[in-house]
Amino acid sequence: MASASSENNLLFSPLEMMAEAEKFALSKAKKTSGMTMSLAIMAGAFIGLAFLFYITVTTGSADAGWGLSRLAGGLAFSMGLILIVICGGELFTSSVLSSISWANKQISFSKMLSIWGKVYVGNFIGAMFLLLIVSAAGLYQMDNGQWGLNALHIAQHKLHHTWVQAFALGVLCNLLVCLAIWLTFSSANAMTKAAMTVLPVAMFVSSGFEHCVANMFMVPLGIVIQNFAGAEFWAATGTTQAQFSDLTPIHFLTNNLIPVTLGNIIGGSVLVGLANWSIYRRPQLKAANVTAITQTTELTSVKETQMNNNIIVKDIMNTQPVTLSVEMPTAVALDTLLDHNLTSAPVTDIEGRLVGFFSVHDVMVDLWCQDYIPEQGQKVVDLMSRDVVAINASEKLVDVAEFLCIDKEQLYPVSSMGIATSFTTLSLEERAKAMKVNKPHVLPVLEDGVLVGVLSRAEVMKSVRPIYGERLNVVERELESA
């Protein structure tokens, strides 16, 4: 227990924090759509709850001074991010840190955008769900309507920025939010993580920076109050509905939500995620002592066939293969292979060039050699094979099929001088069927020295299958009992 406790209070170095950030970013891609949406709805509601706390704390606090009042509100609002960090919610403004996984080539650009989109929609649903409950509860009537008036002023103020101001305030906001999340990577202790988020969040809220998810709740709350508050509310606050006529959905969307969202993306994904990746990870990737594999194996057939010679590798290969990076931890690489039901995958450098091949066979051999105690800090570059058989995208299918099943040196055993080294009475076909051939199950495909896909035995066989004619639909007949 003591060791577990000390380990729990351990503070990580900046480089170790980068590794934690990579795990955080990749974890978002591993969640199912249902889980992502559910956690995003929860996070949207948490941020809405935090804004309720902010409104309550700042209502009627004019005598406390402008700065102190906003500081108190900012400290109260930090409850939202604490709930998300501890409870595991998916918040759009922190999900943009998945740009790290994209930079590491662990996920595609479209996958990254898909994650952002699902979280964004989920956050909006969560904010609307809380808004419905708050509206039904009539919270805007608290303190003789001053609570609702405070909410109206906050919402209206958010719509009076210029487009550039809203964008810049969005950048500043998510710079701080993602820095708060980054600080949580310094420790595994829940209390420490919670404490780390308070001051960055308090600063962005008290300074008036713009957060798209918070605004998804705050501005619609003002719109609801403006449209549905009764005459007694306006009489109690000494204001009129017309004073807040600019609180409309279209005005909110164009003057606030769009520019703030774009600013949040830049502030989080670029200024925090990609900036730290460039400092801590990119130099390691570039420094990896690997050179690109650009040579391909030339394939030629030893016999003429009647098979279609017009089909080439480029027509049948997998153009979107799973690839691994040289600096990827072995455990992460194995998880990637297992998640895609693969046993091997090509390894690429930071520029996407082929540098090796990683397989579960290599891992199992290494585990055996290490008495099944894996080496700490082991990476793909430590286990991958550099002896890679790659083929050209323009090779013919018939040549690839022969290459995978025939070993010419065994079929025609001759010396370098062309003199036969063994003699047999077996026919050519008998020798072919008797030989033991050890060829890769997956072949990287290069075009002009660049990796463009992979070709597996299954894809080769799928292309060869038409030789047997059309697929037969076998109908099973039940045997009638005598």
Protein backbone atom coordinates (compact mmCIF):
# COMPACT_ATOMS: atom_id res chain seq x y z
CA MET A 1 0.00 0.00 0.00
CA ALA A 2 2.83 2.38 0.82
CA SER A 3 4.47 1.95 -2.57
CA ALA A 4 1.14 2.45 -4.29
CA SER A 5 0.59 5.65 -2.35
CA SER A 6 4.02 7.08 -3.17
CA GLU A 7 3.56 6.13 -6.80
CA ASN A 8 0.19 7.90 -6.77
CA ASN A 9 1.80 11.15 -5.58
CA LEU A 10 4.65 10.99 -8.08
CA LEU A 11 5.12 14.07 -10.25
CA PHE A 12 6.10 13.39 -13.83
CA SER A 13 8.73 15.28 -15.81
CA PRO A 14 7.69 17.33 -18.89
CA LEU A 15 8.82 14.50 -21.19
CA GLU A 16 6.81 11.98 -19.16
CA MET A 17 3.85 14.36 -19.30
CA MET A 18 4.15 14.27 -23.09
CA ALA A 19 3.85 10.48 -22.97
CA GLU A 20 0.75 10.80 -20.76
CA ALA A 21 -0.69 13.32 -23.22
CA GLU A 22 -0.16 10.84 -26.07
CA LYS A 23 -2.07 8.18 -24.14
CA PHE A 24 -4.83 10.70 -23.39
CA ALA A 25 -5.10 11.68 -27.06
CA LEU A 26 -5.10 8.11 -28.35
CA SER A 27 -7.69 6.99 -25.78
CA LYS A 28 -10.25 9.23 -27.46
CA ALA A 29 -9.90 7.28 -30.72
CA LYS A 30 -10.42 3.95 -28.95
CA LYS A 31 -13.83 4.76 -27.47
CA THR A 32 -16.96 3.58 -29.25
CA SER A 33 -19.26 6.22 -30.74
CA GLY A 34 -21.87 5.46 -28.10
CA MET A 35 -19.42 5.92 -25.24
CA THR A 36 -18.00 9.10 -26.76
CA MET A 37 -21.46 10.64 -27.17
CA SER A 38 -22.55 9.64 -23.65
CA LEU A 39 -19.42 11.10 -22.04
CA ALA A 40 -19.76 14.24 -24.19
CA ILE A 41 -23.38 14.75 -23.08
CA MET A 42 -22.23 14.38 -19.49
CA ALA A 43 -19.44 16.94 -20.00
CA GLY A 44 -21.83 19.42 -21.62
CA ALA A 45 -24.06 19.23 -18.57
CA PHE A 46 -21.06 19.59 -16.20
CA ILE A 47 -19.97 22.83 -17.90
CA GLY A 48 -23.55 24.12 -17.70
CA LEU A 49 -23.64 23.36 -13.99
CA ALA A 50 -20.38 25.27 -13.57
CA PHE A 51 -21.93 28.30 -15.24
CA LEU A 52 -24.92 28.11 -12.90
CA PHE A 53 -22.41 28.28 -10.04
CA TYR A 54 -20.70 31.27 -11.71
CA ILE A 55 -23.98 33.18 -12.10
CA THR A 56 -24.98 32.52 -8.49
CA VAL A 57 -21.59 33.64 -7.11
CA THR A 58 -21.43 36.85 -9.17
CA THR A 59 -25.07 37.91 -8.69
CA GLY A 60 -25.35 40.90 -6.33
CA SER A 61 -21.58 41.15 -5.85
CA ALA A 62 -21.12 44.67 -7.21
CA ASP A 63 -19.90 45.96 -3.84
CA ALA A 64 -17.12 43.35 -3.77
CA GLY A 65 -15.27 44.99 -6.65
CA TRP A 66 -15.10 44.01 -10.33
CA GLY A 67 -11.92 41.92 -10.17
CA LEU A 68 -12.67 40.05 -6.94
CA SER A 69 -16.21 39.29 -8.08
CA ARG A 70 -14.96 37.76 -11.35
CA LEU A 71 -12.21 35.86 -9.53
CA ALA A 72 -14.80 34.30 -7.24
CA GLY A 73 -16.89 33.37 -10.27
CA GLY A 74 -13.86 31.87 -12.01
CA LEU A 75 -12.99 29.74 -8.99
CA ALA A 76 -16.59 28.53 -8.87
CA PHE A 77 -16.59 27.74 -12.61
CA SER A 78 -13.50 25.51 -12.24
CA MET A 79 -15.86 22.95 -10.70
CA GLY A 80 -16.92 22.07 -14.28
CA LEU A 81 -13.46 21.00 -15.47
CA ILE A 82 -12.77 19.21 -12.18
CA LEU A 83 -15.91 17.12 -12.69
CA ILE A 84 -14.85 16.31 -16.25
CA VAL A 85 -11.27 15.37 -15.32
CA ILE A 86 -12.27 13.17 -12.38
CA CYS A 87 -15.42 11.65 -13.90
CA GLY A 88 -13.95 11.16 -17.39
CA GLY A 89 -16.28 13.35 -19.46
CA GLU A 90 -15.48 14.18 -23.08
CA LEU A 91 -15.18 17.95 -23.56
CA PHE A 92 -14.71 19.38 -27.06
CA THR A 93 -12.11 21.92 -25.99
CA SER A 94 -9.85 19.20 -24.54
CA SER A 95 -10.68 16.64 -27.26
CA VAL A 96 -8.86 18.84 -29.77
CA LEU A 97 -5.65 17.52 -28.14
CA SER A 98 -6.23 14.40 -30.27
CA SER A 99 -4.21 16.38 -32.84
CA ILE A 100 -1.24 14.74 -31.09
CA SER A 101 -2.36 11.29 -32.26
CA TRP A 102 -2.78 12.66 -35.78
CA ALA A 103 0.75 14.13 -35.67
CA ASN A 104 2.04 10.71 -34.52
CA LYS A 105 0.18 9.15 -37.49
CA GLN A 106 -1.83 6.98 -35.11
CA ILE A 107 -5.15 8.25 -36.47
CA SER A 108 -6.16 9.78 -39.80
CA PHE A 109 -7.21 13.41 -40.23
CA SER A 110 -10.79 12.30 -40.95
CA LYS A 111 -10.82 10.18 -37.77
CA MET A 112 -9.67 13.18 -35.76
CA LEU A 113 -12.44 15.36 -37.21
CA SER A 114 -14.96 12.58 -36.53
CA ILE A 115 -13.95 12.54 -32.84
CA TRP A 116 -14.28 16.32 -32.62
CA GLY A 117 -17.68 16.27 -34.31
CA LYS A 118 -19.16 13.59 -32.05
CA VAL A 119 -17.92 15.31 -28.89
CA TYR A 120 -19.15 18.73 -30.08
CA VAL A 121 -22.65 17.41 -30.77
CA GLY A 122 -22.71 15.51 -27.47
CA ASN A 123 -21.66 18.62 -25.51
CA PHE A 124 -24.49 20.59 -27.15
CA ILE A 125 -27.06 17.92 -26.27
CA GLY A 126 -25.84 17.90 -22.65
CA ALA A 127 -26.06 21.71 -22.45
CA MET A 128 -29.61 21.70 -23.89
CA PHE A 129 -30.70 18.97 -21.49
CA LEU A 130 -29.53 21.00 -18.49
CA LEU A 131 -31.09 24.16 -19.95
CA LEU A 132 -34.45 22.40 -20.12
CA ILE A 133 -34.25 21.45 -16.43
CA VAL A 134 -33.05 24.91 -15.33
CA SER A 135 -35.81 26.62 -17.31
CA ALA A 136 -38.44 24.35 -15.80
CA ALA A 137 -37.09 25.12 -12.32
CA GLY A 138 -37.37 28.89 -12.92
CA LEU A 139 -33.95 29.64 -11.47
CA TYR A 140 -33.89 33.01 -13.25
CA GLN A 141 -36.37 34.33 -10.66
CA MET A 142 -33.91 33.93 -7.75
CA ASP A 143 -32.92 37.04 -5.77
CA ASN A 144 -36.04 38.83 -7.00
CA GLY A 145 -35.02 38.28 -10.61
CA GLN A 146 -31.43 39.55 -10.21
CA TRP A 147 -30.06 36.08 -10.94
CA GLY A 148 -31.84 36.04 -14.30
CA LEU A 149 -30.83 39.63 -15.05
CA ASN A 150 -27.20 38.73 -14.40
CA ALA A 151 -27.53 35.80 -16.82
CA LEU A 152 -29.06 38.10 -19.46
CA HIS A 153 -26.22 40.62 -19.18
CA ILE A 154 -23.58 37.88 -19.43
CA ALA A 155 -25.24 36.33 -22.49
CA GLN A 156 -25.73 39.69 -24.19
CA HIS A 157 -22.12 40.72 -23.58
CA LYS A 158 -20.92 37.60 -25.41
CA LEU A 159 -22.72 38.69 -28.58
CA HIS A 160 -21.16 42.15 -28.69
CA HIS A 161 -17.64 41.09 -29.68
CA THR A 162 -16.43 41.59 -33.22
CA TRP A 163 -15.72 38.38 -35.16
CA VAL A 164 -11.96 38.86 -34.69
CA GLN A 165 -12.36 39.56 -30.97
CA ALA A 166 -14.50 36.45 -30.48
CA PHE A 167 -11.93 34.33 -32.36
CA ALA A 168 -8.99 35.73 -30.34
CA LEU A 169 -10.84 35.28 -27.04
CA GLY A 170 -11.54 31.68 -28.10
CA VAL A 171 -7.83 31.09 -28.74
CA LEU A 172 -6.86 32.50 -25.33
CA CYS A 173 -9.56 30.49 -23.58
CA ASN A 174 -8.58 27.09 -24.89
CA LEU A 175 -4.90 27.84 -24.50
CA LEU A 176 -5.64 27.95 -20.77
CA VAL A 177 -8.14 25.08 -20.71
CA CYS A 178 -5.73 22.72 -22.50
CA LEU A 179 -2.84 23.91 -20.31
CA ALA A 180 -5.03 22.99 -17.33
CA ILE A 181 -5.56 19.53 -18.84
CA TRP A 182 -1.83 19.31 -19.58
CA LEU A 183 -1.02 20.06 -15.95
CA THR A 184 -3.13 17.04 -14.92
CA PHE A 185 -0.65 14.85 -16.83
CA SER A 186 1.96 15.69 -14.18
CA SER A 187 0.43 13.38 -11.59
CA ALA A 188 -1.64 10.23 -11.19
CA ASN A 189 -3.24 11.54 -7.98
CA ALA A 190 -6.89 12.61 -8.36
CA MET A 191 -6.66 15.46 -5.82
CA THR A 192 -3.56 16.84 -7.52
CA LYS A 193 -5.25 16.67 -10.92
CA ALA A 194 -8.26 18.57 -9.56
CA ALA A 195 -6.09 21.26 -7.96
CA MET A 196 -4.09 21.73 -11.18
CA THR A 197 -7.18 22.81 -13.12
CA VAL A 198 -8.37 25.57 -10.78
CA LEU A 199 -6.14 28.57 -11.52
CA PRO A 200 -5.97 28.28 -15.36
CA VAL A 201 -9.78 27.96 -15.48
CA ALA A 202 -10.27 30.80 -12.99
CA MET A 203 -8.03 33.01 -15.14
CA PHE A 204 -9.87 32.35 -18.41
CA VAL A 205 -13.30 32.89 -16.83
CA SER A 206 -12.40 36.01 -14.85
CA SER A 207 -10.64 37.51 -17.89
CA GLY A 208 -13.71 37.06 -20.08
CA PHE A 209 -12.21 34.58 -22.54
CA GLU A 210 -14.71 32.63 -24.65
CA HIS A 211 -15.42 28.89 -24.32
CA CYS A 212 -17.70 27.39 -26.99
CA VAL A 213 -19.24 24.68 -24.78
CA ALA A 214 -19.90 27.12 -21.92
CA ASN A 215 -21.53 29.45 -24.44
CA MET A 216 -23.72 26.57 -25.70
CA PHE A 217 -25.43 26.78 -22.31
CA MET A 218 -24.99 30.40 -21.30
CA VAL A 219 -26.28 32.21 -24.38
CA PRO A 220 -29.29 29.88 -24.95
CA LEU A 221 -30.13 30.43 -21.26
CA GLY A 222 -30.28 34.18 -21.94
CA ILE A 223 -32.38 33.56 -25.07
CA VAL A 224 -34.85 31.44 -23.08
CA ILE A 225 -35.17 34.06 -20.32
CA GLN A 226 -35.63 36.86 -22.88
CA ASN A 227 -38.40 34.97 -24.67
CA PHE A 228 -40.24 33.22 -21.84
CA ALA A 229 -39.83 35.28 -18.66
CA GLY A 230 -43.15 36.67 -17.39
CA ALA A 231 -44.12 40.31 -16.92
CA GLU A 232 -43.45 40.06 -13.18
CA PHE A 233 -39.77 39.29 -13.91
CA TRP A 234 -39.33 42.40 -16.05
CA ALA A 235 -41.16 44.53 -13.50
CA ALA A 236 -39.03 43.19 -10.63
CA THR A 237 -35.75 43.87 -12.47
CA GLY A 238 -36.80 47.24 -13.89
CA THR A 239 -35.92 46.19 -17.43
CA THR A 240 -37.83 45.36 -20.59
CA GLN A 241 -37.77 42.45 -23.01
CA ALA A 242 -36.78 44.82 -25.82
CA GLN A 243 -33.47 45.66 -24.12
CA PHE A 244 -32.31 42.12 -24.87
CA SER A 245 -33.84 41.72 -28.33
CA ASP A 246 -30.40 40.94 -29.82
CA LEU A 247 -30.39 37.60 -27.99
CA THR A 248 -31.37 35.43 -30.98
CA PRO A 249 -30.14 32.00 -32.16
CA ILE A 250 -28.83 33.36 -35.47
CA HIS A 251 -26.96 36.20 -33.75
CA PHE A 252 -25.45 33.68 -31.30
CA LEU A 253 -24.36 31.31 -34.07
CA THR A 254 -22.73 33.87 -36.37
CA ASN A 255 -21.32 36.38 -33.87
CA ASN A 256 -20.15 34.00 -31.19
CA LEU A 257 -20.32 30.22 -31.56
CA ILE A 258 -18.56 29.89 -34.95
CA PRO A 259 -15.59 32.24 -34.31
CA VAL A 260 -15.19 31.05 -30.70
CA THR A 261 -15.18 27.38 -31.78
CA LEU A 262 -12.51 28.05 -34.42
CA GLY A 263 -10.45 29.97 -31.86
CA ASN A 264 -10.79 27.14 -29.33
CA ILE A 265 -9.50 24.66 -31.95
CA ILE A 266 -6.40 26.76 -32.67
CA GLY A 267 -5.72 27.49 -29.00
CA GLY A 268 -5.92 23.84 -27.95
CA SER A 269 -4.86 21.67 -30.88
CA VAL A 270 -2.09 23.94 -32.20
CA LEU A 271 -0.78 26.16 -29.37
CA VAL A 272 -0.83 23.38 -26.77
CA GLY A 273 -1.06 19.96 -28.46
CA LEU A 274 1.08 20.38 -31.58
CA ALA A 275 3.40 22.89 -29.89
CA ASN A 276 4.36 20.40 -27.15
CA TRP A 277 4.54 17.58 -29.71
CA SER A 278 7.03 19.66 -31.75
CA ILE A 279 9.15 20.32 -28.65
CA TYR A 280 9.19 16.89 -27.02
CA ARG A 281 8.25 14.23 -29.59
CA ARG A 282 9.16 15.41 -33.08
CA PRO A 283 12.93 15.63 -32.39
CA GLN A 284 12.87 12.03 -31.09
CA LEU A 285 11.08 10.85 -34.21
CA LYS A 286 13.57 12.63 -36.46
CA ALA A 287 16.52 11.37 -34.43
CA ALA A 288 15.50 7.72 -34.70
CA ASN A 289 18.38 5.97 -36.44
CA VAL A 290 16.44 4.57 -39.36
CA THR A 291 16.67 5.14 -43.08
CA ALA A 292 13.86 4.81 -45.56
CA ILE A 293 13.42 1.55 -47.49
CA THR A 294 12.97 2.45 -51.14
CA GLN A 295 14.12 -0.69 -52.97
CA THR A 296 11.61 -3.27 -54.18
CA THR A 297 11.99 -6.94 -55.07
CA GLU A 298 11.78 -7.55 -58.78
CA LEU A 299 9.32 -10.32 -59.58
CA THR A 300 9.35 -12.54 -62.67
CA SER A 301 7.44 -15.72 -63.51
CA VAL A 302 9.21 -18.96 -64.36
CA LYS A 303 6.34 -20.29 -66.44
CA GLU A 304 3.68 -19.01 -68.79
CA THR A 305 0.08 -19.04 -67.58
CA GLN A 306 -3.33 -18.28 -68.98
CA MET A 307 -4.26 -16.10 -66.00
CA ASN A 308 -5.15 -12.45 -66.65
CA ASN A 309 -1.84 -10.59 -66.92
CA ASN A 310 -3.45 -7.14 -66.91
CA ILE A 311 -4.18 -7.05 -63.16
CA ILE A 312 -1.43 -5.24 -61.25
CA VAL A 313 -0.74 -4.76 -57.54
CA LYS A 314 -2.04 -1.19 -57.57
CA ASP A 315 -5.50 -2.47 -58.56
CA ILE A 316 -5.92 -4.85 -55.64
CA MET A 317 -3.77 -3.55 -52.75
CA ASN A 318 -5.06 -2.00 -49.50
CA THR A 319 -4.46 1.73 -49.97
CA GLN A 320 -5.30 2.62 -46.34
CA PRO A 321 -3.10 0.26 -44.32
CA VAL A 322 -2.54 0.46 -40.58
CA THR A 323 0.97 1.81 -40.00
CA LEU A 324 3.10 2.15 -36.88
CA SER A 325 5.64 4.82 -35.95
CA VAL A 326 9.22 4.05 -34.92
CA GLU A 327 8.86 5.73 -31.51
CA MET A 328 5.55 4.07 -30.64
CA PRO A 329 5.76 2.03 -27.40
CA THR A 330 5.56 -1.73 -27.98
CA ALA A 331 2.39 -2.00 -25.90
CA VAL A 332 0.65 0.68 -27.98
CA ALA A 333 1.77 -1.00 -31.21
CA LEU A 334 0.39 -4.35 -30.04
CA ASP A 335 -2.91 -2.74 -29.06
CA THR A 336 -3.12 -1.16 -32.51
CA LEU A 337 -2.56 -4.52 -34.24
CA LEU A 338 -5.02 -6.36 -31.99
CA ASP A 339 -7.68 -3.67 -32.41
CA HIS A 340 -7.48 -4.18 -36.19
CA ASN A 341 -7.18 -8.01 -36.06
CA LEU A 342 -3.68 -7.85 -37.57
CA THR A 343 -0.46 -9.72 -36.80
CA SER A 344 1.93 -7.30 -38.52
CA ALA A 345 2.12 -3.84 -40.02
CA PRO A 346 4.62 -1.60 -41.83
CA VAL A 347 6.57 0.95 -39.79
CA THR A 348 6.93 4.49 -41.13
CA ASP A 349 9.00 7.51 -40.14
CA ILE A 350 7.69 11.02 -39.49
CA GLU A 351 7.44 11.65 -43.24
CA GLY A 352 5.47 8.48 -43.88
CA ARG A 353 8.36 6.58 -45.52
CA LEU A 354 8.74 2.83 -45.00
CA VAL A 355 11.52 2.08 -42.50
CA GLY A 356 10.70 -1.43 -41.26
CA PHE A 357 8.10 -4.06 -40.47
CA PHE A 358 6.70 -4.95 -37.03
CA SER A 359 5.06 -8.30 -36.27
CA VAL A 360 3.72 -10.17 -33.26
CA HIS A 361 6.21 -12.93 -34.12
CA ASP A 362 9.08 -10.55 -33.33
CA VAL A 363 7.40 -9.61 -30.05
CA MET A 364 6.86 -13.24 -29.02
CA VAL A 365 10.48 -14.14 -29.76
CA ASP A 366 11.67 -11.16 -27.72
CA LEU A 367 9.39 -12.11 -24.82
CA TRP A 368 10.78 -15.63 -24.85
CA CYS A 369 14.34 -14.29 -24.79
CA GLN A 370 13.47 -11.94 -21.90
CA ASP A 371 11.74 -14.68 -19.85
CA TYR A 372 8.44 -12.91 -20.51
CA ILE A 373 9.52 -9.78 -18.63
CA PRO A 374 9.41 -7.04 -21.30
CA GLU A 375 12.08 -4.39 -21.33
CA GLN A 376 10.99 -1.04 -19.87
CA GLY A 377 10.56 1.76 -22.40
CA GLN A 378 10.74 -0.60 -25.36
CA LYS A 379 9.59 0.85 -28.68
CA VAL A 380 8.73 -0.37 -32.15
CA VAL A 381 12.15 0.65 -33.47
CA ASP A 382 13.75 -1.82 -31.02
CA LEU A 383 11.88 -4.85 -32.39
CA MET A 384 10.96 -4.09 -35.98
CA SER A 385 12.63 -5.93 -38.83
CA ARG A 386 14.69 -3.96 -41.32
CA ASP A 387 14.94 -6.93 -43.67
CA VAL A 388 11.73 -6.02 -45.51
CA VAL A 389 10.50 -7.49 -48.77
CA ALA A 390 8.66 -4.70 -50.59
CA ILE A 391 7.12 -4.86 -54.05
CA ASN A 392 6.37 -2.28 -56.70
CA ALA A 393 2.81 -1.10 -57.29
CA SER A 394 3.12 -1.93 -61.00
CA GLU A 395 3.96 -5.63 -60.51
CA LYS A 396 1.56 -8.11 -62.08
CA LEU A 397 -0.78 -10.20 -59.96
CA VAL A 398 0.42 -13.42 -61.60
CA ASP A 399 4.02 -12.65 -60.63
CA VAL A 400 3.09 -11.84 -57.03
CA ALA A 401 1.06 -15.07 -56.71
CA GLU A 402 4.05 -17.11 -57.91
CA PHE A 403 6.46 -15.23 -55.63
CA LEU A 404 4.36 -16.06 -52.54
CA CYS A 405 4.21 -19.81 -53.17
CA ILE A 406 7.34 -20.72 -55.15
CA ASP A 407 10.99 -20.60 -54.12
CA LYS A 408 12.99 -20.58 -57.37
CA GLU A 409 16.22 -21.59 -55.61
CA GLN A 410 14.55 -24.75 -54.33
CA LEU A 411 12.74 -25.37 -57.60
CA TYR A 412 15.91 -24.99 -59.70
CA PRO A 413 18.87 -25.76 -57.37
CA VAL A 414 21.91 -24.44 -59.28
CA SER A 415 25.17 -22.74 -58.35
CA SER A 416 26.10 -19.20 -59.27
CA MET A 417 27.76 -20.69 -62.38
CA GLY A 418 24.47 -22.28 -63.43
CA ILE A 419 25.57 -25.83 -62.56
CA ALA A 420 22.92 -28.07 -60.95
CA THR A 421 23.69 -28.74 -57.28
CA SER A 422 21.21 -31.60 -56.81
CA PHE A 423 19.36 -34.04 -59.01
CA THR A 424 15.91 -35.56 -58.68
CA THR A 425 13.50 -37.65 -60.67
CA LEU A 426 10.53 -35.61 -59.43
CA SER A 427 8.62 -33.56 -61.97
CA LEU A 428 8.48 -29.73 -61.80
CA GLU A 429 4.98 -29.82 -60.25
CA GLU A 430 6.00 -32.47 -57.70
CA ARG A 431 9.01 -30.41 -56.65
CA ALA A 432 6.80 -27.30 -56.29
CA LYS A 433 4.33 -29.11 -54.02
CA ALA A 434 7.07 -30.67 -51.88
CA MET A 435 9.10 -27.52 -51.21
CA LYS A 436 8.87 -25.52 -47.96
CA VAL A 437 8.42 -21.84 -48.77
CA ASN A 438 8.88 -19.05 -46.21
CA LYS A 439 7.49 -15.82 -47.67
CA PRO A 440 5.83 -12.83 -45.94
CA HIS A 441 2.07 -12.86 -45.44
CA VAL A 442 1.89 -9.09 -46.01
CA LEU A 443 3.94 -7.18 -48.58
CA PRO A 444 4.48 -3.40 -48.37
CA VAL A 445 3.84 -1.74 -51.74
CA LEU A 446 6.03 1.13 -52.93
CA GLU A 447 5.62 3.55 -55.80
CA ASP A 448 8.57 5.80 -56.62
CA GLY A 449 10.08 4.74 -53.29
CA VAL A 450 7.03 5.84 -51.27
CA LEU A 451 4.75 3.51 -49.31
CA VAL A 452 1.34 3.52 -51.03
CA GLY A 453 -0.30 0.42 -49.54
CA VAL A 454 0.07 -3.21 -48.52
CA LEU A 455 -0.87 -6.48 -50.22
CA SER A 456 -1.85 -9.55 -48.21
CA ARG A 457 -2.24 -13.17 -49.29
CA ALA A 458 -5.99 -12.82 -48.75
CA GLU A 459 -6.17 -9.95 -51.26
CA VAL A 460 -4.14 -11.98 -53.76
CA MET A 461 -6.44 -14.98 -53.36
CA LYS A 462 -9.53 -12.78 -53.68
CA SER A 463 -8.22 -11.62 -57.05
CA VAL A 464 -7.33 -15.17 -58.14
CA ARG A 465 -10.68 -16.64 -57.04
CA PRO A 466 -12.56 -15.87 -60.34
CA ILE A 467 -10.45 -18.58 -62.02
CA TYR A 468 -12.76 -21.13 -60.38
CA GLY A 469 -15.84 -19.56 -61.91
CA GLU A 470 -18.85 -17.96 -60.27
CA ARG A 471 -19.69 -18.49 -56.63
CA LEU A 472 -21.98 -21.48 -56.04
CA ASN A 473 -24.89 -21.18 -53.65
CA VAL A 474 -24.93 -24.48 -51.81
CA VAL A 475 -28.37 -25.40 -50.54
CA GLU A 476 -28.43 -27.77 -47.62
CA ARG A 477 -31.29 -30.21 -47.71
CA GLU A 478 -32.70 -31.68 -44.57
CA LEU A 479 -32.79 -35.45 -44.62
CA GLU A 480 -36.26 -36.73 -44.22
CA SER A 481 -36.59 -39.34 -41.55
CA ALA A 482 -37.57 -42.72 -42.87
